[in-house]
Amino acid sequence: MKLLFVADAVHTFAPYKDTTYAMMREANRRGMAIHVCQPHHVHWHSGQGVQAWVQRLTLLDVPTPSKNQPNWYALGYAMLGLKRLRRGADAQRPTV
């Protein structure tokens, strides 16, 4: 399963107190593929639905990152492309 987090830029997270980081960590533990984008990367195109530019996020094996330990993630080098965000029954199908 793939999960998209629409949030602030990942480099601005404070993982030692950020609930988004906690949700990402749990999703990762459950084997989900984590993708991220910022709100301004989400667009609606008439006739095409909602689309977003997203990046794959890999969580590094760091026990609870502190404020002084920024190396808790790795982002894909390139955008994965414009993805159509699905809802309802279509949400179960991959969007790659």
N, C-alpha and C. Protein backbone atom coordinates (compact mmCIF):
# COMPACT_ATOMS: atom_id res chain seq x y z
N MET A 1 0.84 -1.17 0.00
CA MET A 1 0.00 0.00 0.00
C MET A 1 0.89 1.24 0.00
N LYS A 2 0.43 2.25 -0.71
CA LYS A 2 1.15 3.51 -0.77
C LYS A 2 0.40 4.56 0.03
N LEU A 3 1.15 5.40 0.72
CA LEU A 3 0.55 6.43 1.55
C LEU A 3 1.21 7.77 1.23
N LEU A 4 0.40 8.79 0.99
CA LEU A 4 0.91 10.12 0.68
C LEU A 4 0.67 11.04 1.86
N PHE A 5 1.72 11.70 2.31
CA PHE A 5 1.62 12.72 3.36
C PHE A 5 1.74 14.09 2.70
N VAL A 6 0.72 14.90 2.82
CA VAL A 6 0.76 16.28 2.35
C VAL A 6 1.08 17.11 3.58
N ALA A 7 2.29 17.64 3.61
CA ALA A 7 2.77 18.30 4.83
C ALA A 7 3.80 19.37 4.47
N ASP A 8 4.31 20.03 5.49
CA ASP A 8 5.42 20.97 5.29
C ASP A 8 6.62 20.21 4.75
N ALA A 9 7.61 20.94 4.28
CA ALA A 9 8.83 20.32 3.77
C ALA A 9 9.44 19.42 4.86
N VAL A 10 9.85 18.24 4.47
CA VAL A 10 10.35 17.25 5.43
C VAL A 10 11.55 17.79 6.22
N HIS A 11 12.39 18.58 5.59
CA HIS A 11 13.58 19.08 6.30
C HIS A 11 13.22 20.03 7.45
N THR A 12 11.96 20.49 7.51
CA THR A 12 11.55 21.37 8.60
C THR A 12 10.91 20.62 9.76
N PHE A 13 10.73 19.30 9.61
CA PHE A 13 10.12 18.51 10.68
C PHE A 13 11.00 18.51 11.93
N ALA A 14 10.36 18.40 13.07
CA ALA A 14 11.04 18.18 14.35
C ALA A 14 10.59 16.80 14.82
N PRO A 15 11.27 15.73 14.35
CA PRO A 15 10.78 14.38 14.60
C PRO A 15 10.63 14.01 16.07
N TYR A 16 11.36 14.63 16.94
CA TYR A 16 11.26 14.30 18.36
C TYR A 16 9.94 14.76 18.96
N LYS A 17 9.17 15.61 18.22
CA LYS A 17 7.88 16.06 18.74
C LYS A 17 6.79 16.13 17.67
N ASP A 18 7.09 15.75 16.44
CA ASP A 18 6.16 15.90 15.32
C ASP A 18 5.27 14.68 15.15
N THR A 19 3.96 14.87 15.16
CA THR A 19 3.04 13.74 15.01
C THR A 19 3.06 13.18 13.59
N THR A 20 3.38 14.00 12.60
CA THR A 20 3.48 13.48 11.23
C THR A 20 4.59 12.46 11.15
N TYR A 21 5.71 12.72 11.81
CA TYR A 21 6.81 11.75 11.84
C TYR A 21 6.34 10.45 12.50
N ALA A 22 5.59 10.56 13.57
CA ALA A 22 5.10 9.36 14.27
C ALA A 22 4.19 8.54 13.35
N MET A 23 3.34 9.21 12.59
CA MET A 23 2.46 8.49 11.64
C MET A 23 3.27 7.85 10.52
N MET A 24 4.29 8.55 10.05
CA MET A 24 5.16 7.98 9.01
C MET A 24 5.89 6.74 9.53
N ARG A 25 6.39 6.82 10.74
CA ARG A 25 7.11 5.70 11.35
C ARG A 25 6.19 4.48 11.47
N GLU A 26 4.96 4.69 11.89
CA GLU A 26 4.01 3.58 12.02
C GLU A 26 3.64 3.01 10.65
N ALA A 27 3.43 3.87 9.67
CA ALA A 27 3.13 3.39 8.32
C ALA A 27 4.31 2.57 7.78
N ASN A 28 5.51 3.03 8.03
CA ASN A 28 6.71 2.31 7.61
C ASN A 28 6.78 0.94 8.30
N ARG A 29 6.46 0.90 9.58
CA ARG A 29 6.47 -0.35 10.33
C ARG A 29 5.48 -1.35 9.75
N ARG A 30 4.37 -0.84 9.22
CA ARG A 30 3.34 -1.70 8.63
C ARG A 30 3.63 -2.06 7.17
N GLY A 31 4.78 -1.63 6.68
CA GLY A 31 5.18 -2.00 5.33
C GLY A 31 4.63 -1.14 4.21
N MET A 32 4.13 0.03 4.53
CA MET A 32 3.58 0.92 3.51
C MET A 32 4.68 1.73 2.85
N ALA A 33 4.50 2.02 1.57
CA ALA A 33 5.42 2.91 0.85
C ALA A 33 5.00 4.34 1.17
N ILE A 34 5.95 5.14 1.62
CA ILE A 34 5.65 6.50 2.04
C ILE A 34 6.08 7.49 0.96
N HIS A 35 5.16 8.37 0.60
CA HIS A 35 5.44 9.44 -0.34
C HIS A 35 5.07 10.75 0.34
N VAL A 36 5.72 11.83 -0.08
CA VAL A 36 5.46 13.14 0.51
C VAL A 36 5.32 14.20 -0.57
N CYS A 37 4.56 15.22 -0.23
CA CYS A 37 4.50 16.42 -1.06
C CYS A 37 4.05 17.56 -0.16
N GLN A 38 4.21 18.76 -0.66
CA GLN A 38 3.75 19.93 0.08
C GLN A 38 2.41 20.38 -0.51
N PRO A 39 1.63 21.13 0.24
CA PRO A 39 0.31 21.53 -0.25
C PRO A 39 0.34 22.19 -1.63
N HIS A 40 1.36 22.99 -1.91
CA HIS A 40 1.40 23.66 -3.21
C HIS A 40 1.75 22.71 -4.36
N HIS A 41 2.06 21.45 -4.07
CA HIS A 41 2.32 20.45 -5.11
C HIS A 41 1.04 19.73 -5.53
N VAL A 42 -0.07 20.01 -4.87
CA VAL A 42 -1.34 19.36 -5.17
C VAL A 42 -2.15 20.29 -6.08
N HIS A 43 -2.68 19.73 -7.17
CA HIS A 43 -3.41 20.54 -8.15
C HIS A 43 -4.66 19.81 -8.60
N TRP A 44 -5.65 20.60 -8.96
CA TRP A 44 -6.86 20.05 -9.56
C TRP A 44 -6.88 20.48 -11.01
N HIS A 45 -7.08 19.51 -11.91
CA HIS A 45 -7.16 19.79 -13.34
C HIS A 45 -8.53 19.34 -13.82
N SER A 46 -9.25 20.23 -14.45
CA SER A 46 -10.59 19.91 -14.94
C SER A 46 -10.58 18.65 -15.79
N GLY A 47 -11.43 17.71 -15.44
CA GLY A 47 -11.54 16.47 -16.19
C GLY A 47 -10.50 15.43 -15.82
N GLN A 48 -9.50 15.79 -15.03
CA GLN A 48 -8.45 14.85 -14.66
C GLN A 48 -8.41 14.57 -13.17
N GLY A 49 -9.17 15.28 -12.39
CA GLY A 49 -9.17 15.07 -10.95
C GLY A 49 -7.99 15.74 -10.26
N VAL A 50 -7.73 15.33 -9.04
CA VAL A 50 -6.65 15.89 -8.24
C VAL A 50 -5.35 15.16 -8.54
N GLN A 51 -4.29 15.91 -8.76
CA GLN A 51 -2.98 15.34 -9.04
C GLN A 51 -1.94 16.03 -8.15
N ALA A 52 -0.81 15.36 -7.95
CA ALA A 52 0.24 15.93 -7.10
C ALA A 52 1.61 15.45 -7.55
N TRP A 53 2.60 16.32 -7.40
CA TRP A 53 4.00 15.92 -7.59
C TRP A 53 4.46 15.37 -6.26
N VAL A 54 4.96 14.15 -6.25
CA VAL A 54 5.34 13.51 -5.00
C VAL A 54 6.75 12.94 -5.07
N GLN A 55 7.35 12.73 -3.90
CA GLN A 55 8.65 12.08 -3.78
C GLN A 55 8.52 10.90 -2.82
N ARG A 56 9.27 9.85 -3.09
CA ARG A 56 9.31 8.69 -2.19
C ARG A 56 10.19 9.06 -1.01
N LEU A 57 9.73 8.75 0.19
CA LEU A 57 10.48 9.02 1.40
C LEU A 57 10.89 7.70 2.03
N THR A 58 12.16 7.58 2.35
CA THR A 58 12.66 6.40 3.05
C THR A 58 13.09 6.83 4.44
N LEU A 59 12.54 6.18 5.45
CA LEU A 59 12.93 6.48 6.82
C LEU A 59 14.17 5.67 7.16
N LEU A 60 15.17 6.33 7.68
CA LEU A 60 16.41 5.65 8.06
C LEU A 60 16.25 5.06 9.45
N ASP A 61 17.00 4.06 9.74
CA ASP A 61 16.89 3.37 11.02
C ASP A 61 17.60 4.17 12.12
N VAL A 62 16.88 5.19 12.58
CA VAL A 62 17.41 6.07 13.63
C VAL A 62 16.44 5.99 14.79
N PRO A 63 16.84 5.66 15.98
CA PRO A 63 15.92 5.47 17.11
C PRO A 63 15.08 6.69 17.43
N THR A 64 14.89 7.59 17.85
CA THR A 64 14.13 8.81 17.94
C THR A 64 15.05 9.98 17.61
N PRO A 65 14.99 10.45 16.39
CA PRO A 65 15.89 11.55 16.02
C PRO A 65 15.68 12.78 16.89
N SER A 66 16.78 13.43 17.21
CA SER A 66 16.69 14.64 18.03
C SER A 66 16.75 15.87 17.13
N LYS A 67 16.63 17.02 17.73
CA LYS A 67 16.68 18.28 16.98
C LYS A 67 18.01 18.43 16.25
N ASN A 68 19.07 17.90 16.81
CA ASN A 68 20.40 18.03 16.23
C ASN A 68 20.78 16.88 15.32
N GLN A 69 19.83 16.00 14.99
CA GLN A 69 20.11 14.84 14.16
C GLN A 69 19.18 14.86 12.95
N PRO A 70 19.55 15.60 11.90
CA PRO A 70 18.65 15.76 10.76
C PRO A 70 18.62 14.56 9.81
N ASN A 71 19.52 13.63 9.95
CA ASN A 71 19.61 12.52 8.99
C ASN A 71 18.71 11.35 9.37
N TRP A 72 17.40 11.55 9.34
CA TRP A 72 16.46 10.49 9.67
C TRP A 72 15.67 10.03 8.46
N TYR A 73 15.92 10.65 7.29
CA TYR A 73 15.18 10.29 6.08
C TYR A 73 16.05 10.44 4.84
N ALA A 74 15.58 9.83 3.76
CA ALA A 74 16.19 10.02 2.45
C ALA A 74 15.06 10.18 1.45
N LEU A 75 15.20 11.15 0.56
CA LEU A 75 14.19 11.37 -0.48
C LEU A 75 14.72 10.85 -1.80
N GLY A 76 13.81 10.40 -2.65
CA GLY A 76 14.19 9.99 -4.00
C GLY A 76 14.82 11.17 -4.72
N TYR A 77 15.72 10.89 -5.65
CA TYR A 77 16.41 11.97 -6.35
C TYR A 77 15.50 12.75 -7.28
N ALA A 78 14.52 12.07 -7.86
CA ALA A 78 13.65 12.74 -8.81
C ALA A 78 12.20 12.57 -8.39
N MET A 79 11.40 13.48 -8.86
CA MET A 79 9.97 13.34 -8.62
C MET A 79 9.49 12.06 -9.29
N LEU A 80 8.56 11.41 -8.68
CA LEU A 80 8.01 10.18 -9.25
C LEU A 80 7.05 10.49 -10.38
N GLY A 81 6.68 11.73 -10.53
CA GLY A 81 5.79 12.09 -11.62
C GLY A 81 4.44 12.55 -11.13
N LEU A 82 3.65 12.99 -12.05
CA LEU A 82 2.33 13.47 -11.73
C LEU A 82 1.44 12.28 -11.45
N LYS A 83 0.87 12.23 -10.28
CA LYS A 83 0.04 11.10 -9.87
C LYS A 83 -1.39 11.56 -9.73
N ARG A 84 -2.27 10.68 -10.11
CA ARG A 84 -3.69 10.95 -9.90
C ARG A 84 -4.07 10.40 -8.54
N LEU A 85 -4.60 11.23 -7.69
CA LEU A 85 -5.02 10.82 -6.37
C LEU A 85 -6.42 10.25 -6.49
N ARG A 86 -6.59 9.02 -6.04
CA ARG A 86 -7.88 8.34 -6.19
C ARG A 86 -8.61 8.28 -4.87
N ARG A 87 -9.90 8.08 -4.97
CA ARG A 87 -10.69 7.92 -3.76
C ARG A 87 -11.69 6.80 -3.96
N GLY A 88 -12.27 6.36 -2.87
CA GLY A 88 -13.27 5.31 -2.95
C GLY A 88 -12.68 3.98 -3.38
N ALA A 89 -13.41 3.23 -4.19
CA ALA A 89 -12.96 1.90 -4.64
C ALA A 89 -11.68 1.99 -5.44
N ASP A 90 -11.49 3.09 -6.18
CA ASP A 90 -10.28 3.26 -6.98
C ASP A 90 -9.03 3.43 -6.12
N ALA A 91 -9.18 3.79 -4.86
CA ALA A 91 -8.03 4.05 -3.99
C ALA A 91 -7.21 2.79 -3.77
N GLN A 92 -7.78 1.62 -3.98
CA GLN A 92 -7.06 0.38 -3.74
C GLN A 92 -6.09 0.04 -4.88
N ARG A 93 -6.27 0.67 -6.04
CA ARG A 93 -5.41 0.37 -7.18
C ARG A 93 -4.16 1.25 -7.13
N PRO A 94 -3.00 0.73 -7.53
CA PRO A 94 -1.78 1.55 -7.55
C PRO A 94 -1.92 2.73 -8.50
N THR A 95 -1.26 3.83 -8.19
CA THR A 95 -1.36 5.03 -9.01
C THR A 95 -0.07 5.35 -9.73
N VAL A 96 0.89 4.43 -9.74
CA VAL A 96 2.17 4.71 -10.40
C VAL A 96 2.01 4.63 -11.89
